[in-house]
Amino acid sequence: MRFVILIVSIIFICSTITFGQTYKAEYVHVINFGSKADTNLATLLFNKKESLYSYGQNDDISKSQIMPSSDNKMMEDRYDVKLKLGDSKGFFYHANLDSKIFTNRERLPSKPVIVIDTMMIINWKIDSIAEKKIENFNCKKAIGEFRGRAYEVWFTEDIPVSFGPWKLWGLPGLIVEAKDLNSDVINIKLRSLKSYNESIIKPINEQIMTQEEFVKSMKKAMKNLSNYLSTSSSREGTSINSKIKIKALEISLYNN
């Protein structure tokens, strides 16, 4: 009976998506930057014209810290001891197909900011052979390069929208799985999909920066963190592997 209900729900969603209804997709969002992966429940709200992807809502700040606290005052000033993968509000990525603009809530080491970014066209290569079922959706595989990194995604034309998790978009169907092919840092998988009765609201109420300004600030923070790991390899959770993952994370998330 549950299977029948799920199939009916999928048919209903596919037949009504053109009428401007908003839907909510839930994903498991994993960022693997060291010995322990950071796993979040993420959501994608979407209709035909806009979407809002969010993850990292975390009230337990200590759980999401990348760098442990230091008793050294100069070290605290240098790193602000706040470089982490979330806060009580989390990360948001709002996409608007009309303006081709991302409006994102990101984090600098010391504070959250709103970052205005262009929705860059991703030249996807769709595999004409590979197919599989994901949550009872018929899915196809595609590979594309975004800001210097290759991503493999699975998308479904059963849900004919061009959105997906994070900043991945531009296929003829909803992206339901995504991973980077370079260092296995990012891995995202669909968990559920249902209708949603509230409006999509893009993030506001923080300092506004351009993508270029944000990248410059974030790369400086990542460089400081890499230097910290180089001089603190004996500290728990820091290793050569961690430094490689931090570099991969920097390239994946903060490249222009």
C-alpha atoms as a PDB file:
ATOM      1  CA  MET A   1       0.000   0.000   0.000  1.00  0.00           C
ATOM      2  CA  ARG A   2       2.850   2.416   0.822  1.00  0.00           C
ATOM      3  CA  PHE A   3       4.368   1.739  -2.610  1.00  0.00           C
ATOM      4  CA  VAL A   4       1.054   2.481  -4.344  1.00  0.00           C
ATOM      5  CA  ILE A   5       0.633   5.728  -2.399  1.00  0.00           C
ATOM      6  CA  LEU A   6       4.205   6.798  -3.311  1.00  0.00           C
ATOM      7  CA  ILE A   7       3.596   6.115  -7.020  1.00  0.00           C
ATOM      8  CA  VAL A   8       0.337   8.126  -6.913  1.00  0.00           C
ATOM      9  CA  SER A   9       2.198  10.991  -5.185  1.00  0.00           C
ATOM     10  CA  ILE A  10       4.903  11.014  -7.869  1.00  0.00           C
ATOM     11  CA  ILE A  11       2.305  11.067 -10.656  1.00  0.00           C
ATOM     12  CA  PHE A  12       0.499  13.931  -8.928  1.00  0.00           C
ATOM     13  CA  ILE A  13       3.696  15.975  -8.516  1.00  0.00           C
ATOM     14  CA  CYS A  14       4.703  15.443 -12.145  1.00  0.00           C
ATOM     15  CA  SER A  15       1.268  16.443 -13.437  1.00  0.00           C
ATOM     16  CA  THR A  16       0.988  19.626 -11.367  1.00  0.00           C
ATOM     17  CA  ILE A  17       4.547  21.047 -11.406  1.00  0.00           C
ATOM     18  CA  THR A  18       3.679  23.385 -14.302  1.00  0.00           C
ATOM     19  CA  PHE A  19       1.078  25.244 -12.277  1.00  0.00           C
ATOM     20  CA  GLY A  20       3.500  27.062  -9.982  1.00  0.00           C
ATOM     21  CA  GLN A  21       3.142  24.825  -6.913  1.00  0.00           C
ATOM     22  CA  THR A  22       6.128  24.806  -4.552  1.00  0.00           C
ATOM     23  CA  TYR A  23       7.745  21.507  -3.532  1.00  0.00           C
ATOM     24  CA  LYS A  24      10.162  20.449  -0.823  1.00  0.00           C
ATOM     25  CA  ALA A  25      12.923  17.938  -1.485  1.00  0.00           C
ATOM     26  CA  GLU A  26      15.007  16.649   1.409  1.00  0.00           C
ATOM     27  CA  TYR A  27      18.604  15.557   0.864  1.00  0.00           C
ATOM     28  CA  VAL A  28      21.396  14.053   2.929  1.00  0.00           C
ATOM     29  CA  HIS A  29      24.271  16.518   2.434  1.00  0.00           C
ATOM     30  CA  VAL A  30      27.760  15.253   3.304  1.00  0.00           C
ATOM     31  CA  ILE A  31      30.988  17.271   3.251  1.00  0.00           C
ATOM     32  CA  ASN A  32      34.042  15.106   3.916  1.00  0.00           C
ATOM     33  CA  PHE A  33      36.978  17.323   4.867  1.00  0.00           C
ATOM     34  CA  GLY A  34      38.854  15.084   7.297  1.00  0.00           C
ATOM     35  CA  SER A  35      38.644  11.936   9.343  1.00  0.00           C
ATOM     36  CA  LYS A  36      34.977  12.592  10.158  1.00  0.00           C
ATOM     37  CA  ALA A  37      32.408  13.654   7.583  1.00  0.00           C
ATOM     38  CA  ASP A  38      30.033  16.524   8.318  1.00  0.00           C
ATOM     39  CA  THR A  39      26.536  15.197   7.570  1.00  0.00           C
ATOM     40  CA  ASN A  40      23.482  17.450   7.353  1.00  0.00           C
ATOM     41  CA  LEU A  41      19.833  17.151   6.437  1.00  0.00           C
ATOM     42  CA  ALA A  42      19.338  19.639   3.587  1.00  0.00           C
ATOM     43  CA  THR A  43      16.182  20.938   1.935  1.00  0.00           C
ATOM     44  CA  LEU A  44      15.446  22.266  -1.539  1.00  0.00           C
ATOM     45  CA  LEU A  45      12.287  24.315  -1.997  1.00  0.00           C
ATOM     46  CA  PHE A  46      11.467  24.844  -5.656  1.00  0.00           C
ATOM     47  CA  ASN A  47       8.905  25.774  -8.264  1.00  0.00           C
ATOM     48  CA  LYS A  48       9.331  26.465 -11.970  1.00  0.00           C
ATOM     49  CA  LYS A  49      11.068  29.835 -11.490  1.00  0.00           C
ATOM     50  CA  GLU A  50      13.073  29.784  -8.251  1.00  0.00           C
ATOM     51  CA  SER A  51      14.589  27.513  -5.632  1.00  0.00           C
ATOM     52  CA  LEU A  52      16.102  27.716  -2.149  1.00  0.00           C
ATOM     53  CA  TYR A  53      18.625  25.130  -0.939  1.00  0.00           C
ATOM     54  CA  SER A  54      19.567  25.117   2.744  1.00  0.00           C
ATOM     55  CA  TYR A  55      21.688  23.046   5.123  1.00  0.00           C
ATOM     56  CA  GLY A  56      23.911  23.409   8.177  1.00  0.00           C
ATOM     57  CA  GLN A  57      21.310  24.635  10.673  1.00  0.00           C
ATOM     58  CA  ASN A  58      23.219  23.729  13.795  1.00  0.00           C
ATOM     59  CA  ASP A  59      22.763  25.088  17.302  1.00  0.00           C
ATOM     60  CA  ASP A  60      25.608  22.945  18.634  1.00  0.00           C
ATOM     61  CA  ILE A  61      28.478  25.138  17.482  1.00  0.00           C
ATOM     62  CA  SER A  62      31.166  22.859  18.914  1.00  0.00           C
ATOM     63  CA  LYS A  63      29.953  20.018  16.684  1.00  0.00           C
ATOM     64  CA  SER A  64      30.502  22.001  13.510  1.00  0.00           C
ATOM     65  CA  GLN A  65      33.849  23.622  14.272  1.00  0.00           C
ATOM     66  CA  ILE A  66      36.623  22.873  11.816  1.00  0.00           C
ATOM     67  CA  MET A  67      39.351  24.217  14.082  1.00  0.00           C
ATOM     68  CA  PRO A  68      39.519  23.535  17.857  1.00  0.00           C
ATOM     69  CA  SER A  69      39.858  26.389  20.341  1.00  0.00           C
ATOM     70  CA  SER A  70      43.287  27.647  21.276  1.00  0.00           C
ATOM     71  CA  ASP A  71      44.634  29.116  24.475  1.00  0.00           C
ATOM     72  CA  ASN A  72      46.968  31.270  22.459  1.00  0.00           C
ATOM     73  CA  LYS A  73      45.455  34.752  22.196  1.00  0.00           C
ATOM     74  CA  MET A  74      47.345  35.591  19.009  1.00  0.00           C
ATOM     75  CA  MET A  75      46.060  32.388  17.404  1.00  0.00           C
ATOM     76  CA  GLU A  76      42.507  33.263  18.430  1.00  0.00           C
ATOM     77  CA  ASP A  77      42.819  36.702  16.877  1.00  0.00           C
ATOM     78  CA  ARG A  78      44.239  35.227  13.708  1.00  0.00           C
ATOM     79  CA  TYR A  79      41.556  32.592  13.145  1.00  0.00           C
ATOM     80  CA  ASP A  80      38.700  33.963  15.239  1.00  0.00           C
ATOM     81  CA  VAL A  81      38.117  30.293  16.232  1.00  0.00           C
ATOM     82  CA  LYS A  82      34.783  30.375  14.421  1.00  0.00           C
ATOM     83  CA  LEU A  83      35.462  28.777  11.052  1.00  0.00           C
ATOM     84  CA  LYS A  84      32.648  26.215  10.967  1.00  0.00           C
ATOM     85  CA  LEU A  85      30.146  24.470   8.730  1.00  0.00           C
ATOM     86  CA  GLY A  86      26.986  26.011  10.089  1.00  0.00           C
ATOM     87  CA  ASP A  87      25.183  27.999  12.740  1.00  0.00           C
ATOM     88  CA  SER A  88      21.612  28.272  14.018  1.00  0.00           C
ATOM     89  CA  LYS A  89      20.414  29.567  10.608  1.00  0.00           C
ATOM     90  CA  GLY A  90      22.689  27.603   8.304  1.00  0.00           C
ATOM     91  CA  PHE A  91      23.628  28.116   4.657  1.00  0.00           C
ATOM     92  CA  PHE A  92      21.084  29.210   2.029  1.00  0.00           C
ATOM     93  CA  TYR A  93      21.345  29.281  -1.779  1.00  0.00           C
ATOM     94  CA  HIS A  94      18.510  31.073  -3.546  1.00  0.00           C
ATOM     95  CA  ALA A  95      18.333  30.727  -7.350  1.00  0.00           C
ATOM     96  CA  ASN A  96      16.196  32.894  -9.621  1.00  0.00           C
ATOM     97  CA  LEU A  97      15.858  31.748 -13.237  1.00  0.00           C
ATOM     98  CA  ASP A  98      14.605  35.127 -14.476  1.00  0.00           C
ATOM     99  CA  SER A  99      17.577  37.127 -13.166  1.00  0.00           C
ATOM    100  CA  LYS A 100      20.092  34.240 -13.285  1.00  0.00           C
ATOM    101  CA  ILE A 101      21.296  35.316  -9.851  1.00  0.00           C
ATOM    102  CA  PHE A 102      22.177  33.321  -6.740  1.00  0.00           C
ATOM    103  CA  THR A 103      21.546  35.093  -3.418  1.00  0.00           C
ATOM    104  CA  ASN A 104      23.360  33.048  -0.791  1.00  0.00           C
ATOM    105  CA  ARG A 105      23.824  33.107   2.968  1.00  0.00           C
ATOM    106  CA  GLU A 106      27.423  32.046   3.556  1.00  0.00           C
ATOM    107  CA  ARG A 107      29.804  32.272   6.500  1.00  0.00           C
ATOM    108  CA  LEU A 108      33.098  34.017   6.943  1.00  0.00           C
ATOM    109  CA  PRO A 109      35.108  32.857   9.979  1.00  0.00           C
ATOM    110  CA  SER A 110      33.723  35.706  12.076  1.00  0.00           C
ATOM    111  CA  LYS A 111      30.222  36.310  10.731  1.00  0.00           C
ATOM    112  CA  PRO A 112      27.498  35.347   8.236  1.00  0.00           C
ATOM    113  CA  VAL A 113      27.199  37.320   4.980  1.00  0.00           C
ATOM    114  CA  ILE A 114      24.890  37.502   1.965  1.00  0.00           C
ATOM    115  CA  VAL A 115      26.772  36.744  -1.256  1.00  0.00           C
ATOM    116  CA  ILE A 116      25.467  37.767  -4.683  1.00  0.00           C
ATOM    117  CA  ASP A 117      26.626  35.351  -7.371  1.00  0.00           C
ATOM    118  CA  THR A 118      25.897  34.686 -11.042  1.00  0.00           C
ATOM    119  CA  MET A 119      24.190  31.423 -12.019  1.00  0.00           C
ATOM    120  CA  MET A 120      26.985  30.147 -14.234  1.00  0.00           C
ATOM    121  CA  ILE A 121      25.976  27.841 -17.072  1.00  0.00           C
ATOM    122  CA  ILE A 122      27.256  24.317 -16.474  1.00  0.00           C
ATOM    123  CA  ASN A 123      28.015  22.397 -19.676  1.00  0.00           C
ATOM    124  CA  TRP A 124      26.533  19.049 -18.691  1.00  0.00           C
ATOM    125  CA  LYS A 125      27.315  15.903 -20.697  1.00  0.00           C
ATOM    126  CA  ILE A 126      24.345  13.558 -20.360  1.00  0.00           C
ATOM    127  CA  ASP A 127      25.115   9.837 -20.441  1.00  0.00           C
ATOM    128  CA  SER A 128      22.819   8.304 -23.062  1.00  0.00           C
ATOM    129  CA  ILE A 129      23.113   4.821 -21.554  1.00  0.00           C
ATOM    130  CA  ALA A 130      23.317   5.029 -17.748  1.00  0.00           C
ATOM    131  CA  GLU A 131      19.950   4.894 -15.985  1.00  0.00           C
ATOM    132  CA  LYS A 132      18.734   3.924 -12.515  1.00  0.00           C
ATOM    133  CA  LYS A 133      15.835   4.330 -10.111  1.00  0.00           C
ATOM    134  CA  ILE A 134      16.211   6.711  -7.165  1.00  0.00           C
ATOM    135  CA  GLU A 135      13.244   6.948  -4.782  1.00  0.00           C
ATOM    136  CA  ASN A 136      11.106   5.495  -7.600  1.00  0.00           C
ATOM    137  CA  PHE A 137      12.140   8.250 -10.032  1.00  0.00           C
ATOM    138  CA  ASN A 138      13.624   7.348 -13.410  1.00  0.00           C
ATOM    139  CA  CYS A 139      17.065   8.961 -13.425  1.00  0.00           C
ATOM    140  CA  LYS A 140      19.831   9.686 -15.906  1.00  0.00           C
ATOM    141  CA  LYS A 141      23.486  10.462 -15.270  1.00  0.00           C
ATOM    142  CA  ALA A 142      25.313  13.641 -16.269  1.00  0.00           C
ATOM    143  CA  ILE A 143      28.812  14.998 -15.677  1.00  0.00           C
ATOM    144  CA  GLY A 144      29.674  18.691 -15.684  1.00  0.00           C
ATOM    145  CA  GLU A 145      32.422  21.036 -14.611  1.00  0.00           C
ATOM    146  CA  PHE A 146      31.677  23.884 -12.229  1.00  0.00           C
ATOM    147  CA  ARG A 147      34.429  26.335 -11.299  1.00  0.00           C
ATOM    148  CA  GLY A 148      37.254  23.923 -11.965  1.00  0.00           C
ATOM    149  CA  ARG A 149      35.770  20.774 -10.454  1.00  0.00           C
ATOM    150  CA  ALA A 150      33.926  17.881 -12.087  1.00  0.00           C
ATOM    151  CA  TYR A 151      30.596  16.724 -10.675  1.00  0.00           C
ATOM    152  CA  GLU A 152      28.636  13.567 -11.370  1.00  0.00           C
ATOM    153  CA  VAL A 153      24.894  13.951 -10.891  1.00  0.00           C
ATOM    154  CA  TRP A 154      21.742  11.919 -11.359  1.00  0.00           C
ATOM    155  CA  PHE A 155      18.635  13.815 -12.429  1.00  0.00           C
ATOM    156  CA  THR A 156      15.040  12.912 -13.198  1.00  0.00           C
ATOM    157  CA  GLU A 157      12.898  14.267 -15.995  1.00  0.00           C
ATOM    158  CA  ASP A 158       9.918  12.987 -13.999  1.00  0.00           C
ATOM    159  CA  ILE A 159      10.275  16.344 -12.184  1.00  0.00           C
ATOM    160  CA  PRO A 160      10.833  18.798 -15.084  1.00  0.00           C
ATOM    161  CA  VAL A 161      12.633  21.645 -13.295  1.00  0.00           C
ATOM    162  CA  SER A 162      16.244  22.712 -13.824  1.00  0.00           C
ATOM    163  CA  PHE A 163      17.191  23.025 -10.148  1.00  0.00           C
ATOM    164  CA  GLY A 164      19.281  20.919  -7.808  1.00  0.00           C
ATOM    165  CA  PRO A 165      21.210  21.034  -4.556  1.00  0.00           C
ATOM    166  CA  TRP A 166      23.718  23.791  -3.767  1.00  0.00           C
ATOM    167  CA  LYS A 167      24.650  25.669  -7.005  1.00  0.00           C
ATOM    168  CA  LEU A 168      24.155  22.728  -9.349  1.00  0.00           C
ATOM    169  CA  TRP A 169      21.450  23.384 -11.941  1.00  0.00           C
ATOM    170  CA  GLY A 170      20.680  23.514 -15.653  1.00  0.00           C
ATOM    171  CA  LEU A 171      19.519  19.986 -16.493  1.00  0.00           C
ATOM    172  CA  PRO A 172      16.078  19.069 -17.916  1.00  0.00           C
ATOM    173  CA  GLY A 173      15.021  17.586 -14.593  1.00  0.00           C
ATOM    174  CA  LEU A 174      15.541  17.804 -10.833  1.00  0.00           C
ATOM    175  CA  ILE A 175      19.015  16.755  -9.642  1.00  0.00           C
ATOM    176  CA  VAL A 176      18.523  14.024  -7.041  1.00  0.00           C
ATOM    177  CA  GLU A 177      22.132  12.946  -6.409  1.00  0.00           C
ATOM    178  CA  ALA A 178      25.450  14.761  -6.742  1.00  0.00           C
ATOM    179  CA  LYS A 179      29.094  14.175  -5.902  1.00  0.00           C
ATOM    180  CA  ASP A 180      32.392  15.725  -6.868  1.00  0.00           C
ATOM    181  CA  LEU A 181      34.716  13.466  -8.831  1.00  0.00           C
ATOM    182  CA  ASN A 182      38.023  14.976  -7.750  1.00  0.00           C
ATOM    183  CA  SER A 183      38.367  14.342  -4.021  1.00  0.00           C
ATOM    184  CA  ASP A 184      35.015  12.928  -2.889  1.00  0.00           C
ATOM    185  CA  VAL A 185      34.439  15.990  -0.709  1.00  0.00           C
ATOM    186  CA  ILE A 186      30.786  16.621  -1.552  1.00  0.00           C
ATOM    187  CA  ASN A 187      28.136  13.888  -1.648  1.00  0.00           C
ATOM    188  CA  ILE A 188      24.406  14.717  -1.773  1.00  0.00           C
ATOM    189  CA  LYS A 189      21.458  12.303  -2.069  1.00  0.00           C
ATOM    190  CA  LEU A 190      17.694  12.812  -2.231  1.00  0.00           C
ATOM    191  CA  ARG A 191      15.721  11.427   0.723  1.00  0.00           C
ATOM    192  CA  SER A 192      12.137  12.564   0.135  1.00  0.00           C
ATOM    193  CA  LEU A 193       9.931  14.848  -1.983  1.00  0.00           C
ATOM    194  CA  LYS A 194       6.558  16.396  -1.151  1.00  0.00           C
ATOM    195  CA  SER A 195       4.413  19.447  -1.837  1.00  0.00           C
ATOM    196  CA  TYR A 196       5.041  22.610   0.189  1.00  0.00           C
ATOM    197  CA  ASN A 197       2.490  25.282   0.996  1.00  0.00           C
ATOM    198  CA  GLU A 198       4.681  28.255   1.949  1.00  0.00           C
ATOM    199  CA  SER A 199       6.452  30.877  -0.157  1.00  0.00           C
ATOM    200  CA  ILE A 200      10.139  30.741  -1.041  1.00  0.00           C
ATOM    201  CA  ILE A 201      11.988  33.592   0.698  1.00  0.00           C
ATOM    202  CA  LYS A 202      15.555  34.444  -0.227  1.00  0.00           C
ATOM    203  CA  PRO A 203      18.056  35.214   2.573  1.00  0.00           C
ATOM    204  CA  ILE A 204      18.457  38.817   3.787  1.00  0.00           C
ATOM    205  CA  ASN A 205      19.535  40.802   6.877  1.00  0.00           C
ATOM    206  CA  GLU A 206      23.295  40.252   6.647  1.00  0.00           C
ATOM    207  CA  GLN A 207      26.176  42.222   5.154  1.00  0.00           C
ATOM    208  CA  ILE A 208      26.088  41.946   1.340  1.00  0.00           C
ATOM    209  CA  MET A 209      29.211  40.943  -0.605  1.00  0.00           C
ATOM    210  CA  THR A 210      29.972  40.006  -4.188  1.00  0.00           C
ATOM    211  CA  GLN A 211      31.167  36.475  -4.939  1.00  0.00           C
ATOM    212  CA  GLU A 212      34.645  37.852  -5.682  1.00  0.00           C
ATOM    213  CA  GLU A 213      34.840  39.611  -2.302  1.00  0.00           C
ATOM    214  CA  PHE A 214      33.657  36.519  -0.484  1.00  0.00           C
ATOM    215  CA  VAL A 215      36.146  34.261  -2.293  1.00  0.00           C
ATOM    216  CA  LYS A 216      39.035  36.568  -1.406  1.00  0.00           C
ATOM    217  CA  SER A 217      38.097  36.587   2.288  1.00  0.00           C
ATOM    218  CA  MET A 218      37.424  32.857   2.434  1.00  0.00           C
ATOM    219  CA  LYS A 219      40.657  31.874   0.700  1.00  0.00           C
ATOM    220  CA  LYS A 220      42.572  33.906   3.257  1.00  0.00           C
ATOM    221  CA  ALA A 221      40.800  32.037   6.052  1.00  0.00           C
ATOM    222  CA  MET A 222      41.493  28.675   4.394  1.00  0.00           C
ATOM    223  CA  LYS A 223      45.175  29.570   3.992  1.00  0.00           C
ATOM    224  CA  ASN A 224      45.381  30.407   7.685  1.00  0.00           C
ATOM    225  CA  LEU A 225      43.699  27.119   8.539  1.00  0.00           C
ATOM    226  CA  SER A 226      46.097  25.178   6.315  1.00  0.00           C
ATOM    227  CA  ASN A 227      49.051  26.861   8.031  1.00  0.00           C
ATOM    228  CA  TYR A 228      47.535  25.991  11.385  1.00  0.00           C
ATOM    229  CA  LEU A 229      47.236  22.312  10.401  1.00  0.00           C
ATOM    230  CA  SER A 230      50.827  22.295   9.150  1.00  0.00           C
ATOM    231  CA  THR A 231      52.126  23.431  12.541  1.00  0.00           C
ATOM    232  CA  SER A 232      49.715  21.345  14.623  1.00  0.00           C
ATOM    233  CA  SER A 233      49.804  17.878  13.052  1.00  0.00           C
ATOM    234  CA  SER A 234      49.966  16.233  16.456  1.00  0.00           C
ATOM    235  CA  ARG A 235      46.629  17.758  17.494  1.00  0.00           C
ATOM    236  CA  GLU A 236      43.667  15.358  17.376  1.00  0.00           C
ATOM    237  CA  GLY A 237      41.818  15.467  14.081  1.00  0.00           C
ATOM    238  CA  THR A 238      44.591  17.181  12.112  1.00  0.00           C
ATOM    239  CA  SER A 239      46.574  15.241   9.550  1.00  0.00           C
ATOM    240  CA  ILE A 240      47.969  15.402   6.034  1.00  0.00           C
ATOM    241  CA  ASN A 241      44.663  13.949   4.851  1.00  0.00           C
ATOM    242  CA  SER A 242      42.815  16.781   6.603  1.00  0.00           C
ATOM    243  CA  LYS A 243      44.965  19.340   4.808  1.00  0.00           C
ATOM    244  CA  ILE A 244      44.209  17.720   1.462  1.00  0.00           C
ATOM    245  CA  LYS A 245      40.477  17.733   2.210  1.00  0.00           C
ATOM    246  CA  ILE A 246      40.552  21.366   3.372  1.00  0.00           C
ATOM    247  CA  LYS A 247      42.256  22.313   0.096  1.00  0.00           C
ATOM    248  CA  ALA A 248      39.683  20.353  -1.880  1.00  0.00           C
ATOM    249  CA  LEU A 249      36.886  21.992   0.082  1.00  0.00           C
ATOM    250  CA  GLU A 250      38.373  25.415  -0.651  1.00  0.00           C
ATOM    251  CA  ILE A 251      38.523  24.704  -4.382  1.00  0.00           C
ATOM    252  CA  SER A 252      35.036  23.182  -4.464  1.00  0.00           C
ATOM    253  CA  LEU A 253      33.186  25.856  -2.526  1.00  0.00           C
ATOM    254  CA  TYR A 254      35.131  29.082  -2.812  1.00  0.00           C
ATOM    255  CA  ASN A 255      36.607  29.207  -6.316  1.00  0.00           C
ATOM    256  CA  ASN A 256      35.527  31.953  -8.684  1.00  0.00           C
END
